């Protein structure tokens, strides 16, 4: 059976990244009636920041050349590490079990929310491969950051996630899908009011792509 891990990171309960992510998840569930759906809201239930014990676990894994996540538990040797592992283990188990990882995230200050970064830090270990899994990211951002736009060089949201998935998790480009809604601030910023039409078109395209993506996974 297929397993979808769905992560939400927006601080807004009604957000465009959540809207597109929900569209992907709804279509996926309709096409996988026997599949396993796991949802984790990183904004509603934040993952704690990593601490020194986490760094000790990583050092042990690296020193002993442990690359199989099923063996990471071997690194736990102290009470502090046991406490750290109690946070890591359920998050890591969800990730490893998933065939597809769906991340719905806004852009905050040119990058990803701290809530999502905390999750990434907790589940990531040295030389850890997640090749064979699909990663889908539904994003939202206040302005326009796509290729060819003046603000494209400031996009450390999609670019960071692409680089991270490829560079750390060994996920190839063809196993990643990014779709999203731009110019969200046109709804509230008078300086962007003239871009409202472009925002509406971006949102409609994102939702259509989200439904098709979810049905194709």
N, C-alpha and C. Protein backbone atom coordinates (compact mmCIF):
# COMPACT_ATOMS: atom_id res chain seq x y z
N UNK A 1 0.84 -1.20 0.00
CA UNK A 1 0.00 0.00 0.00
C UNK A 1 0.88 1.26 0.00
N UNK A 2 0.36 2.30 -0.64
CA UNK A 2 1.07 3.57 -0.69
C UNK A 2 0.84 4.36 0.58
N UNK A 3 1.83 5.19 0.94
CA UNK A 3 1.73 6.03 2.13
C UNK A 3 2.09 7.46 1.77
N UNK A 4 1.22 8.38 2.14
CA UNK A 4 1.46 9.81 1.93
C UNK A 4 1.68 10.49 3.27
N UNK A 5 2.81 11.17 3.43
CA UNK A 5 3.07 12.01 4.60
C UNK A 5 2.83 13.45 4.18
N UNK A 6 1.86 14.09 4.83
CA UNK A 6 1.45 15.45 4.49
C UNK A 6 1.83 16.38 5.63
N UNK A 7 2.68 17.35 5.36
CA UNK A 7 3.14 18.31 6.35
C UNK A 7 2.62 19.70 6.02
N UNK A 8 2.05 20.38 7.01
CA UNK A 8 1.65 21.78 6.87
C UNK A 8 2.56 22.64 7.74
N UNK A 9 2.98 23.80 7.19
CA UNK A 9 3.91 24.64 7.93
C UNK A 9 3.44 26.09 8.09
N UNK A 10 2.31 26.44 7.47
CA UNK A 10 1.86 27.83 7.54
C UNK A 10 1.28 28.17 8.90
N UNK A 11 1.60 29.36 9.38
CA UNK A 11 1.01 29.85 10.63
C UNK A 11 -0.45 30.24 10.45
N UNK A 12 -0.89 30.41 9.21
CA UNK A 12 -2.27 30.77 8.92
C UNK A 12 -3.12 29.51 8.82
N UNK A 13 -4.28 29.53 9.45
CA UNK A 13 -5.19 28.40 9.34
C UNK A 13 -5.80 28.33 7.94
N UNK A 14 -6.09 29.49 7.36
CA UNK A 14 -6.60 29.56 6.00
C UNK A 14 -5.48 30.13 5.13
N UNK A 15 -4.71 29.28 4.52
CA UNK A 15 -3.56 29.74 3.75
C UNK A 15 -3.58 29.12 2.36
N UNK A 16 -2.87 29.75 1.45
CA UNK A 16 -2.83 29.26 0.08
C UNK A 16 -1.94 28.04 -0.07
N UNK A 17 -0.92 27.93 0.75
CA UNK A 17 -0.09 26.72 0.69
C UNK A 17 -0.87 25.53 1.22
N UNK A 18 -1.65 25.74 2.28
CA UNK A 18 -2.51 24.67 2.81
C UNK A 18 -3.58 24.29 1.78
N UNK A 19 -4.17 25.30 1.13
CA UNK A 19 -5.21 25.04 0.16
C UNK A 19 -4.71 24.12 -0.96
N UNK A 20 -3.55 24.43 -1.52
CA UNK A 20 -2.99 23.61 -2.59
C UNK A 20 -2.57 22.25 -2.08
N UNK A 21 -2.00 22.22 -0.87
CA UNK A 21 -1.60 20.93 -0.28
C UNK A 21 -2.80 20.03 -0.05
N UNK A 22 -3.88 20.63 0.44
CA UNK A 22 -5.11 19.84 0.66
C UNK A 22 -5.65 19.30 -0.66
N UNK A 23 -5.51 20.08 -1.73
CA UNK A 23 -5.99 19.62 -3.05
C UNK A 23 -5.19 18.40 -3.52
N UNK A 24 -3.87 18.44 -3.29
CA UNK A 24 -3.04 17.28 -3.64
C UNK A 24 -3.46 16.08 -2.81
N UNK A 25 -3.60 16.28 -1.51
CA UNK A 25 -3.93 15.18 -0.60
C UNK A 25 -5.30 14.58 -0.89
N UNK A 26 -6.27 15.43 -1.19
CA UNK A 26 -7.62 14.95 -1.49
C UNK A 26 -7.63 14.08 -2.75
N UNK A 27 -6.93 14.54 -3.78
CA UNK A 27 -6.86 13.76 -5.02
C UNK A 27 -6.10 12.46 -4.80
N UNK A 28 -5.03 12.53 -4.02
CA UNK A 28 -4.24 11.31 -3.73
C UNK A 28 -5.10 10.29 -3.00
N UNK A 29 -5.84 10.73 -2.01
CA UNK A 29 -6.66 9.81 -1.22
C UNK A 29 -7.78 9.20 -2.06
N UNK A 30 -8.31 9.96 -2.99
CA UNK A 30 -9.36 9.43 -3.86
C UNK A 30 -8.83 8.33 -4.76
N UNK A 31 -7.55 8.43 -5.14
CA UNK A 31 -6.95 7.44 -6.03
C UNK A 31 -6.22 6.33 -5.28
N UNK A 32 -6.13 6.46 -3.96
CA UNK A 32 -5.50 5.43 -3.13
C UNK A 32 -6.41 5.11 -1.95
N UNK A 33 -7.60 4.57 -2.20
CA UNK A 33 -8.55 4.32 -1.11
C UNK A 33 -8.01 3.37 -0.04
N UNK A 34 -7.04 2.54 -0.38
CA UNK A 34 -6.47 1.64 0.61
C UNK A 34 -5.14 2.12 1.16
N UNK A 35 -4.75 3.33 0.76
CA UNK A 35 -3.45 3.86 1.18
C UNK A 35 -3.46 4.39 2.61
N UNK A 36 -2.27 4.71 3.09
CA UNK A 36 -2.11 5.28 4.43
C UNK A 36 -1.81 6.77 4.31
N UNK A 37 -2.62 7.58 4.96
CA UNK A 37 -2.46 9.03 4.93
C UNK A 37 -2.06 9.51 6.32
N UNK A 38 -0.92 10.19 6.39
CA UNK A 38 -0.42 10.72 7.66
C UNK A 38 -0.32 12.24 7.52
N UNK A 39 -0.98 12.96 8.42
CA UNK A 39 -0.94 14.42 8.37
C UNK A 39 -0.31 14.96 9.65
N UNK A 40 0.63 15.87 9.49
CA UNK A 40 1.26 16.50 10.66
C UNK A 40 1.27 18.01 10.43
N UNK A 41 0.67 18.75 11.36
CA UNK A 41 0.62 20.20 11.27
C UNK A 41 1.76 20.77 12.12
N UNK A 42 2.81 21.20 11.46
CA UNK A 42 4.01 21.67 12.16
C UNK A 42 3.81 23.03 12.81
N UNK A 43 2.80 23.79 12.37
CA UNK A 43 2.50 25.08 12.98
C UNK A 43 1.63 24.91 14.21
N UNK A 44 0.64 24.01 14.12
CA UNK A 44 -0.26 23.77 15.25
C UNK A 44 0.44 23.01 16.37
N UNK A 45 1.27 22.03 15.98
CA UNK A 45 2.02 21.24 16.96
C UNK A 45 3.49 21.30 16.58
N UNK A 46 4.20 22.35 17.01
CA UNK A 46 5.58 22.55 16.58
C UNK A 46 6.52 21.45 17.05
N UNK A 47 7.47 21.15 16.20
CA UNK A 47 8.55 20.23 16.55
C UNK A 47 9.62 21.02 17.29
N UNK A 48 10.15 20.51 18.40
CA UNK A 48 11.17 21.28 19.13
C UNK A 48 12.46 21.43 18.33
N UNK A 49 13.20 22.45 18.65
CA UNK A 49 14.51 22.65 18.02
C UNK A 49 15.46 21.54 18.48
N UNK A 50 16.41 21.23 17.63
CA UNK A 50 17.42 20.24 18.01
C UNK A 50 18.29 20.79 19.14
N UNK A 51 18.85 19.86 19.94
CA UNK A 51 19.75 20.24 21.01
C UNK A 51 21.07 19.49 20.90
N UNK A 52 21.89 19.62 21.92
CA UNK A 52 23.22 19.01 21.87
C UNK A 52 23.15 17.49 21.73
N UNK A 53 22.18 16.87 22.37
CA UNK A 53 22.07 15.41 22.28
C UNK A 53 21.85 14.96 20.85
N UNK A 54 21.10 15.75 20.08
CA UNK A 54 20.90 15.41 18.66
C UNK A 54 22.24 15.44 17.92
N UNK A 55 23.08 16.42 18.22
CA UNK A 55 24.37 16.49 17.55
C UNK A 55 25.24 15.28 17.91
N UNK A 56 25.09 14.80 19.14
CA UNK A 56 25.85 13.62 19.56
C UNK A 56 25.40 12.37 18.80
N UNK A 57 24.10 12.26 18.58
CA UNK A 57 23.58 11.14 17.80
C UNK A 57 24.12 11.18 16.38
N UNK A 58 24.13 12.37 15.79
CA UNK A 58 24.66 12.52 14.43
C UNK A 58 26.14 12.16 14.37
N UNK A 59 26.90 12.59 15.37
CA UNK A 59 28.32 12.27 15.39
C UNK A 59 28.55 10.76 15.45
N UNK A 60 27.75 10.08 16.26
CA UNK A 60 27.90 8.63 16.39
C UNK A 60 27.56 7.93 15.08
N UNK A 61 26.46 8.35 14.47
CA UNK A 61 26.04 7.77 13.20
C UNK A 61 27.12 7.96 12.14
N UNK A 62 27.71 9.14 12.12
CA UNK A 62 28.75 9.44 11.13
C UNK A 62 30.02 8.64 11.41
N UNK A 63 30.43 8.61 12.67
CA UNK A 63 31.67 7.92 13.05
C UNK A 63 31.57 6.42 12.78
N UNK A 64 30.40 5.85 13.01
CA UNK A 64 30.24 4.41 12.85
C UNK A 64 29.65 4.02 11.50
N UNK A 65 29.58 5.01 10.60
CA UNK A 65 29.15 4.78 9.21
C UNK A 65 27.80 4.08 9.13
N UNK A 66 26.87 4.53 9.96
CA UNK A 66 25.52 3.99 9.95
C UNK A 66 24.68 4.79 8.96
N UNK A 67 24.21 4.15 7.92
CA UNK A 67 23.40 4.83 6.91
C UNK A 67 21.96 4.34 6.86
N UNK A 68 21.67 3.26 7.54
CA UNK A 68 20.32 2.71 7.57
C UNK A 68 19.55 3.34 8.73
N UNK A 69 18.46 4.09 8.45
CA UNK A 69 17.69 4.71 9.54
C UNK A 69 17.21 3.71 10.58
N UNK A 70 17.03 2.46 10.21
CA UNK A 70 16.57 1.45 11.16
C UNK A 70 17.61 1.19 12.25
N UNK A 71 18.86 1.62 12.00
CA UNK A 71 19.93 1.40 12.97
C UNK A 71 20.29 2.64 13.78
N UNK A 72 19.63 3.77 13.53
CA UNK A 72 19.99 5.00 14.23
C UNK A 72 19.83 4.86 15.74
N UNK A 73 18.93 4.00 16.16
CA UNK A 73 18.68 3.80 17.60
C UNK A 73 19.95 3.35 18.32
N UNK A 74 20.88 2.73 17.60
CA UNK A 74 22.13 2.27 18.20
C UNK A 74 22.96 3.42 18.76
N UNK A 75 22.71 4.63 18.28
CA UNK A 75 23.49 5.79 18.71
C UNK A 75 23.10 6.29 20.09
N UNK A 76 21.96 5.84 20.60
CA UNK A 76 21.46 6.33 21.90
C UNK A 76 22.19 5.64 23.04
N UNK A 77 22.92 6.44 23.85
CA UNK A 77 23.71 5.88 24.95
C UNK A 77 23.54 6.60 26.28
N UNK A 78 22.90 7.77 26.29
CA UNK A 78 22.76 8.55 27.51
C UNK A 78 21.29 8.94 27.71
N UNK A 79 20.91 9.32 28.93
CA UNK A 79 19.53 9.77 29.16
C UNK A 79 19.14 10.95 28.27
N UNK A 80 20.05 11.89 28.08
CA UNK A 80 19.75 13.05 27.24
C UNK A 80 19.51 12.62 25.80
N UNK A 81 20.30 11.67 25.33
CA UNK A 81 20.12 11.16 23.98
C UNK A 81 18.81 10.38 23.87
N UNK A 82 18.44 9.69 24.92
CA UNK A 82 17.16 8.97 24.94
C UNK A 82 16.00 9.95 24.81
N UNK A 83 16.11 11.09 25.49
CA UNK A 83 15.07 12.12 25.40
C UNK A 83 15.00 12.69 23.99
N UNK A 84 16.17 12.93 23.40
CA UNK A 84 16.21 13.44 22.03
C UNK A 84 15.62 12.43 21.06
N UNK A 85 15.94 11.15 21.25
CA UNK A 85 15.44 10.11 20.37
C UNK A 85 13.92 9.96 20.46
N UNK A 86 13.36 10.24 21.61
CA UNK A 86 11.91 10.16 21.78
C UNK A 86 11.19 11.18 20.90
N UNK A 87 11.85 12.29 20.61
CA UNK A 87 11.30 13.28 19.69
C UNK A 87 11.52 12.85 18.25
N UNK A 88 12.71 12.37 17.97
CA UNK A 88 13.10 12.02 16.61
C UNK A 88 12.33 10.82 16.07
N UNK A 89 12.22 9.79 16.86
CA UNK A 89 11.75 8.49 16.37
C UNK A 89 10.38 8.53 15.66
N UNK A 90 9.35 9.15 16.24
CA UNK A 90 8.06 9.15 15.53
C UNK A 90 8.11 9.96 14.25
N UNK A 91 8.85 11.06 14.24
CA UNK A 91 8.97 11.88 13.04
C UNK A 91 9.70 11.11 11.94
N UNK A 92 10.78 10.47 12.32
CA UNK A 92 11.59 9.72 11.36
C UNK A 92 10.83 8.52 10.82
N UNK A 93 10.09 7.85 11.69
CA UNK A 93 9.32 6.68 11.27
C UNK A 93 8.28 7.06 10.21
N UNK A 94 7.62 8.20 10.42
CA UNK A 94 6.64 8.68 9.43
C UNK A 94 7.29 8.96 8.10
N UNK A 95 8.45 9.60 8.15
CA UNK A 95 9.16 9.96 6.92
C UNK A 95 9.63 8.73 6.16
N UNK A 96 10.25 7.81 6.86
CA UNK A 96 10.80 6.61 6.21
C UNK A 96 9.69 5.74 5.63
N UNK A 97 8.53 5.73 6.29
CA UNK A 97 7.42 4.90 5.83
C UNK A 97 6.73 5.45 4.59
N UNK A 98 6.93 6.73 4.31
CA UNK A 98 6.20 7.38 3.22
C UNK A 98 6.79 7.06 1.85
N UNK A 99 5.89 6.85 0.90
CA UNK A 99 6.30 6.77 -0.51
C UNK A 99 6.35 8.18 -1.11
N UNK A 100 5.44 9.03 -0.62
CA UNK A 100 5.38 10.41 -1.09
C UNK A 100 5.34 11.35 0.11
N UNK A 101 6.14 12.40 0.05
CA UNK A 101 6.16 13.42 1.10
C UNK A 101 5.61 14.70 0.50
N UNK A 102 4.51 15.18 1.07
CA UNK A 102 3.85 16.40 0.62
C UNK A 102 4.10 17.49 1.65
N UNK A 103 4.74 18.56 1.24
CA UNK A 103 5.06 19.67 2.14
C UNK A 103 4.34 20.93 1.66
N UNK A 104 3.46 21.46 2.48
CA UNK A 104 2.76 22.71 2.17
C UNK A 104 3.39 23.81 3.01
N UNK A 105 4.02 24.77 2.35
CA UNK A 105 4.78 25.77 3.09
C UNK A 105 4.69 27.15 2.46
N UNK A 106 4.55 28.18 3.28
CA UNK A 106 4.65 29.54 2.76
C UNK A 106 6.11 29.96 2.68
N UNK A 107 6.33 31.09 2.03
CA UNK A 107 7.64 31.74 2.11
C UNK A 107 7.57 32.79 3.21
N UNK A 108 8.48 32.67 4.18
CA UNK A 108 8.61 33.70 5.21
C UNK A 108 10.00 34.30 5.10
N UNK A 109 10.06 35.60 4.86
CA UNK A 109 11.35 36.30 4.82
C UNK A 109 12.33 35.63 3.86
N UNK A 110 11.83 35.33 2.67
CA UNK A 110 12.60 34.75 1.56
C UNK A 110 12.90 33.27 1.73
N UNK A 111 12.47 32.64 2.81
CA UNK A 111 12.85 31.24 3.04
C UNK A 111 11.66 30.47 3.59
N UNK A 112 11.93 29.33 4.24
CA UNK A 112 10.87 28.50 4.79
C UNK A 112 10.62 28.86 6.25
N UNK A 113 9.45 28.53 6.80
CA UNK A 113 9.17 28.82 8.21
C UNK A 113 10.09 28.03 9.14
N UNK A 114 10.33 28.60 10.31
CA UNK A 114 11.16 27.93 11.31
C UNK A 114 10.55 26.58 11.70
N UNK A 115 9.22 26.47 11.66
CA UNK A 115 8.55 25.22 12.03
C UNK A 115 8.96 24.09 11.09
N UNK A 116 9.07 24.38 9.80
CA UNK A 116 9.48 23.37 8.83
C UNK A 116 10.97 23.06 8.97
N UNK A 117 11.76 24.08 9.20
CA UNK A 117 13.20 23.87 9.36
C UNK A 117 13.48 23.01 10.59
N UNK A 118 12.71 23.19 11.67
CA UNK A 118 12.89 22.37 12.87
C UNK A 118 12.62 20.91 12.57
N UNK A 119 11.57 20.64 11.78
CA UNK A 119 11.27 19.25 11.39
C UNK A 119 12.40 18.67 10.55
N UNK A 120 12.87 19.43 9.58
CA UNK A 120 13.97 18.97 8.74
C UNK A 120 15.19 18.62 9.58
N UNK A 121 15.52 19.48 10.52
CA UNK A 121 16.69 19.22 11.37
C UNK A 121 16.52 17.95 12.19
N UNK A 122 15.33 17.72 12.73
CA UNK A 122 15.12 16.56 13.58
C UNK A 122 15.23 15.24 12.81
N UNK A 123 14.79 15.21 11.56
CA UNK A 123 14.73 13.93 10.84
C UNK A 123 15.94 13.67 9.95
N UNK A 124 16.90 14.60 9.92
CA UNK A 124 18.01 14.48 8.98
C UNK A 124 19.29 14.04 9.68
N UNK A 125 19.89 13.00 9.12
CA UNK A 125 21.14 12.46 9.66
C UNK A 125 22.18 12.35 8.55
N UNK A 126 23.46 12.25 8.92
CA UNK A 126 24.53 12.22 7.90
C UNK A 126 24.35 11.10 6.89
N UNK A 127 24.60 11.44 5.63
CA UNK A 127 24.59 10.49 4.50
C UNK A 127 23.30 9.67 4.45
N UNK A 128 22.20 10.35 4.70
CA UNK A 128 20.89 9.70 4.74
C UNK A 128 20.24 9.82 3.36
N UNK A 129 19.87 8.72 2.78
CA UNK A 129 19.25 8.73 1.45
C UNK A 129 17.76 8.42 1.54
N UNK A 130 16.98 9.22 0.83
CA UNK A 130 15.55 8.96 0.68
C UNK A 130 15.20 8.77 -0.79
N UNK A 131 16.18 8.34 -1.55
CA UNK A 131 15.95 8.07 -2.97
C UNK A 131 14.86 7.02 -3.11
N UNK A 132 14.04 7.17 -4.13
CA UNK A 132 12.92 6.26 -4.34
C UNK A 132 11.61 6.84 -3.87
N UNK A 133 11.66 7.93 -3.13
CA UNK A 133 10.45 8.61 -2.68
C UNK A 133 10.17 9.83 -3.54
N UNK A 134 8.91 10.23 -3.57
CA UNK A 134 8.51 11.42 -4.29
C UNK A 134 8.31 12.56 -3.29
N UNK A 135 8.72 13.75 -3.68
CA UNK A 135 8.53 14.94 -2.84
C UNK A 135 7.70 15.96 -3.62
N UNK A 136 6.61 16.39 -3.01
CA UNK A 136 5.74 17.41 -3.60
C UNK A 136 5.68 18.59 -2.65
N UNK A 137 5.93 19.78 -3.16
CA UNK A 137 5.89 21.00 -2.34
C UNK A 137 4.85 21.94 -2.92
N UNK A 138 3.88 22.32 -2.10
CA UNK A 138 2.92 23.35 -2.47
C UNK A 138 3.28 24.60 -1.68
N UNK A 139 3.56 25.66 -2.38
CA UNK A 139 4.07 26.86 -1.70
C UNK A 139 3.16 28.06 -1.95
N UNK A 140 3.34 29.07 -1.13
CA UNK A 140 2.71 30.37 -1.33
C UNK A 140 3.73 31.43 -0.96
N UNK A 141 3.65 32.56 -1.65
CA UNK A 141 4.55 33.67 -1.32
C UNK A 141 3.89 34.99 -1.67
N UNK A 142 4.31 36.03 -0.97
CA UNK A 142 3.65 37.32 -1.10
C UNK A 142 3.86 38.00 -2.42
N UNK A 143 5.03 37.80 -3.02
CA UNK A 143 5.33 38.43 -4.29
C UNK A 143 5.50 37.41 -5.40
N UNK A 144 6.18 37.81 -6.46
CA UNK A 144 6.48 36.93 -7.59
C UNK A 144 7.98 36.63 -7.57
N UNK A 145 8.32 35.35 -7.45
CA UNK A 145 9.72 34.96 -7.30
C UNK A 145 10.16 33.94 -8.36
N UNK A 146 9.36 33.74 -9.37
CA UNK A 146 9.69 32.75 -10.38
C UNK A 146 10.84 33.18 -11.28
N UNK A 147 11.35 32.27 -12.09
CA UNK A 147 12.44 32.58 -13.01
C UNK A 147 12.08 33.77 -13.90
N UNK A 148 13.02 34.68 -14.05
CA UNK A 148 12.79 35.84 -14.90
C UNK A 148 12.24 37.05 -14.18
N UNK A 149 11.81 36.87 -12.92
CA UNK A 149 11.29 38.01 -12.15
C UNK A 149 12.43 38.70 -11.42
N UNK A 150 12.29 39.99 -11.09
CA UNK A 150 13.35 40.71 -10.38
C UNK A 150 13.71 40.09 -9.03
N UNK A 151 12.74 39.43 -8.40
CA UNK A 151 12.99 38.88 -7.06
C UNK A 151 13.44 37.41 -7.08
N UNK A 152 13.59 36.85 -8.24
CA UNK A 152 14.01 35.44 -8.32
C UNK A 152 15.30 35.16 -7.54
N UNK A 153 16.31 36.05 -7.57
CA UNK A 153 17.53 35.78 -6.80
C UNK A 153 17.31 35.67 -5.30
N UNK A 154 16.16 36.20 -4.81
CA UNK A 154 15.89 36.17 -3.37
C UNK A 154 15.08 34.95 -2.94
N UNK A 155 14.80 34.06 -3.87
CA UNK A 155 14.03 32.86 -3.54
C UNK A 155 14.93 31.84 -2.85
N UNK A 156 14.82 31.78 -1.53
CA UNK A 156 15.55 30.77 -0.75
C UNK A 156 14.55 29.80 -0.12
N UNK A 157 13.38 29.69 -0.74
CA UNK A 157 12.34 28.75 -0.35
C UNK A 157 12.41 27.52 -1.26
N UNK A 158 11.98 27.68 -2.50
CA UNK A 158 12.03 26.55 -3.44
C UNK A 158 13.47 26.12 -3.69
N UNK A 159 14.35 27.10 -3.87
CA UNK A 159 15.74 26.75 -4.18
C UNK A 159 16.38 25.98 -3.03
N UNK A 160 16.11 26.40 -1.80
CA UNK A 160 16.66 25.69 -0.65
C UNK A 160 16.15 24.26 -0.60
N UNK A 161 14.84 24.08 -0.76
CA UNK A 161 14.27 22.73 -0.66
C UNK A 161 14.77 21.83 -1.79
N UNK A 162 14.85 22.35 -3.01
CA UNK A 162 15.39 21.55 -4.11
C UNK A 162 16.81 21.11 -3.81
N UNK A 163 17.64 22.06 -3.38
CA UNK A 163 19.04 21.74 -3.08
C UNK A 163 19.15 20.76 -1.93
N UNK A 164 18.29 20.92 -0.92
CA UNK A 164 18.35 20.02 0.23
C UNK A 164 17.93 18.61 -0.14
N UNK A 165 16.80 18.48 -0.84
CA UNK A 165 16.34 17.15 -1.22
C UNK A 165 17.40 16.43 -2.07
N UNK A 166 18.00 17.15 -2.99
CA UNK A 166 19.00 16.53 -3.88
C UNK A 166 20.33 16.30 -3.16
N UNK A 167 20.79 17.32 -2.44
CA UNK A 167 22.11 17.25 -1.85
C UNK A 167 22.22 16.39 -0.62
N UNK A 168 21.14 16.32 0.16
CA UNK A 168 21.23 15.54 1.40
C UNK A 168 20.46 14.23 1.33
N UNK A 169 19.30 14.24 0.70
CA UNK A 169 18.46 13.04 0.65
C UNK A 169 18.65 12.24 -0.63
N UNK A 170 19.50 12.72 -1.54
CA UNK A 170 19.77 12.02 -2.80
C UNK A 170 18.51 11.80 -3.63
N UNK A 171 17.61 12.77 -3.57
CA UNK A 171 16.37 12.71 -4.35
C UNK A 171 16.61 13.38 -5.70
N UNK A 172 16.41 12.68 -6.81
CA UNK A 172 16.66 13.29 -8.12
C UNK A 172 15.61 14.33 -8.48
N UNK A 173 15.96 15.23 -9.37
CA UNK A 173 15.08 16.32 -9.77
C UNK A 173 13.73 15.81 -10.27
N UNK A 174 13.74 14.70 -10.99
CA UNK A 174 12.48 14.19 -11.55
C UNK A 174 11.54 13.64 -10.49
N UNK A 175 12.02 13.46 -9.27
CA UNK A 175 11.17 12.97 -8.18
C UNK A 175 10.61 14.12 -7.34
N UNK A 176 10.84 15.36 -7.78
CA UNK A 176 10.35 16.54 -7.06
C UNK A 176 9.31 17.27 -7.90
N UNK A 177 8.26 17.75 -7.24
CA UNK A 177 7.25 18.59 -7.89
C UNK A 177 7.01 19.82 -7.01
N UNK A 178 7.11 20.99 -7.62
CA UNK A 178 6.85 22.24 -6.91
C UNK A 178 5.72 22.98 -7.62
N UNK A 179 4.73 23.42 -6.86
CA UNK A 179 3.63 24.20 -7.42
C UNK A 179 3.15 25.17 -6.36
N UNK A 180 2.67 26.33 -6.78
CA UNK A 180 2.24 27.26 -5.75
C UNK A 180 1.57 28.50 -6.25
N UNK A 181 1.15 29.30 -5.28
CA UNK A 181 0.42 30.55 -5.50
C UNK A 181 1.32 31.73 -5.19
N UNK A 182 1.43 32.64 -6.14
CA UNK A 182 2.27 33.82 -5.94
C UNK A 182 1.42 35.08 -5.80
N UNK A 183 2.11 36.16 -5.42
CA UNK A 183 1.48 37.48 -5.29
C UNK A 183 0.33 37.50 -4.30
N UNK A 184 0.44 36.74 -3.23
CA UNK A 184 -0.59 36.70 -2.19
C UNK A 184 -0.77 38.08 -1.55
N UNK A 185 0.31 38.85 -1.46
CA UNK A 185 0.21 40.16 -0.82
C UNK A 185 -0.61 41.17 -1.62
N UNK A 186 -0.96 40.82 -2.87
CA UNK A 186 -1.82 41.72 -3.65
C UNK A 186 -3.20 41.86 -3.02
N UNK A 187 -3.53 40.93 -2.11
CA UNK A 187 -4.82 40.99 -1.43
C UNK A 187 -4.86 42.05 -0.34
N UNK A 188 -3.68 42.46 0.15
CA UNK A 188 -3.64 43.39 1.28
C UNK A 188 -2.73 44.60 1.05
N UNK A 189 -1.79 44.50 0.14
CA UNK A 189 -0.81 45.57 -0.06
C UNK A 189 -1.27 46.49 -1.20
N UNK A 190 -1.56 47.75 -0.90
CA UNK A 190 -2.00 48.67 -1.96
C UNK A 190 -1.00 48.77 -3.11
N UNK A 191 0.30 48.60 -2.81
CA UNK A 191 1.31 48.71 -3.86
C UNK A 191 1.23 47.57 -4.86
N UNK A 192 0.58 46.46 -4.46
CA UNK A 192 0.45 45.30 -5.35
C UNK A 192 -0.98 45.09 -5.83
N UNK A 193 -1.85 46.04 -5.56
CA UNK A 193 -3.26 45.88 -5.91
C UNK A 193 -3.44 45.61 -7.40
N UNK A 194 -2.60 46.20 -8.22
CA UNK A 194 -2.69 46.00 -9.65
C UNK A 194 -2.31 44.61 -10.11
N UNK A 195 -1.75 43.80 -9.21
CA UNK A 195 -1.34 42.44 -9.56
C UNK A 195 -2.35 41.40 -9.09
N UNK A 196 -3.51 41.84 -8.63
CA UNK A 196 -4.52 40.91 -8.12
C UNK A 196 -4.92 39.88 -9.18
N UNK A 197 -5.06 40.32 -10.40
CA UNK A 197 -5.42 39.39 -11.47
C UNK A 197 -4.38 38.31 -11.66
N UNK A 198 -3.12 38.70 -11.57
CA UNK A 198 -2.03 37.72 -11.72
C UNK A 198 -2.05 36.73 -10.55
N UNK A 199 -2.37 37.23 -9.36
CA UNK A 199 -2.49 36.34 -8.20
C UNK A 199 -3.62 35.33 -8.41
N UNK A 200 -4.77 35.82 -8.85
CA UNK A 200 -5.93 34.93 -9.06
C UNK A 200 -5.59 33.84 -10.08
N UNK A 201 -4.88 34.23 -11.14
CA UNK A 201 -4.50 33.26 -12.16
C UNK A 201 -3.50 32.25 -11.61
N UNK A 202 -2.58 32.72 -10.79
CA UNK A 202 -1.59 31.84 -10.18
C UNK A 202 -2.27 30.84 -9.25
N UNK A 203 -3.22 31.31 -8.47
CA UNK A 203 -3.94 30.43 -7.54
C UNK A 203 -4.73 29.36 -8.30
N UNK A 204 -5.43 29.78 -9.34
CA UNK A 204 -6.22 28.83 -10.13
C UNK A 204 -5.33 27.77 -10.78
N UNK A 205 -4.19 28.20 -11.30
CA UNK A 205 -3.26 27.26 -11.94
C UNK A 205 -2.69 26.29 -10.92
N UNK A 206 -2.38 26.82 -9.72
CA UNK A 206 -1.82 25.97 -8.67
C UNK A 206 -2.82 24.90 -8.25
N UNK A 207 -4.07 25.26 -8.09
CA UNK A 207 -5.07 24.29 -7.67
C UNK A 207 -5.31 23.23 -8.74
N UNK A 208 -5.33 23.65 -10.00
CA UNK A 208 -5.51 22.68 -11.08
C UNK A 208 -4.33 21.70 -11.13
N UNK A 209 -3.12 22.25 -11.01
CA UNK A 209 -1.93 21.39 -11.01
C UNK A 209 -1.91 20.49 -9.80
N UNK A 210 -2.35 21.01 -8.66
CA UNK A 210 -2.37 20.22 -7.42
C UNK A 210 -3.28 19.00 -7.57
N UNK A 211 -4.46 19.20 -8.13
CA UNK A 211 -5.39 18.09 -8.31
C UNK A 211 -4.83 17.04 -9.27
N UNK A 212 -4.24 17.51 -10.36
CA UNK A 212 -3.65 16.58 -11.32
C UNK A 212 -2.46 15.84 -10.71
N UNK A 213 -1.67 16.55 -9.93
CA UNK A 213 -0.50 15.93 -9.29
C UNK A 213 -0.93 14.87 -8.31
N UNK A 214 -1.90 15.19 -7.46
CA UNK A 214 -2.37 14.21 -6.48
C UNK A 214 -2.93 12.96 -7.12
N UNK A 215 -3.61 13.14 -8.25
CA UNK A 215 -4.20 11.98 -8.94
C UNK A 215 -3.16 11.13 -9.66
N UNK A 216 -1.99 11.73 -9.93
CA UNK A 216 -0.96 11.00 -10.69
C UNK A 216 0.05 10.30 -9.81
N UNK A 217 0.03 10.57 -8.52
CA UNK A 217 1.05 10.00 -7.62
C UNK A 217 0.80 8.51 -7.36
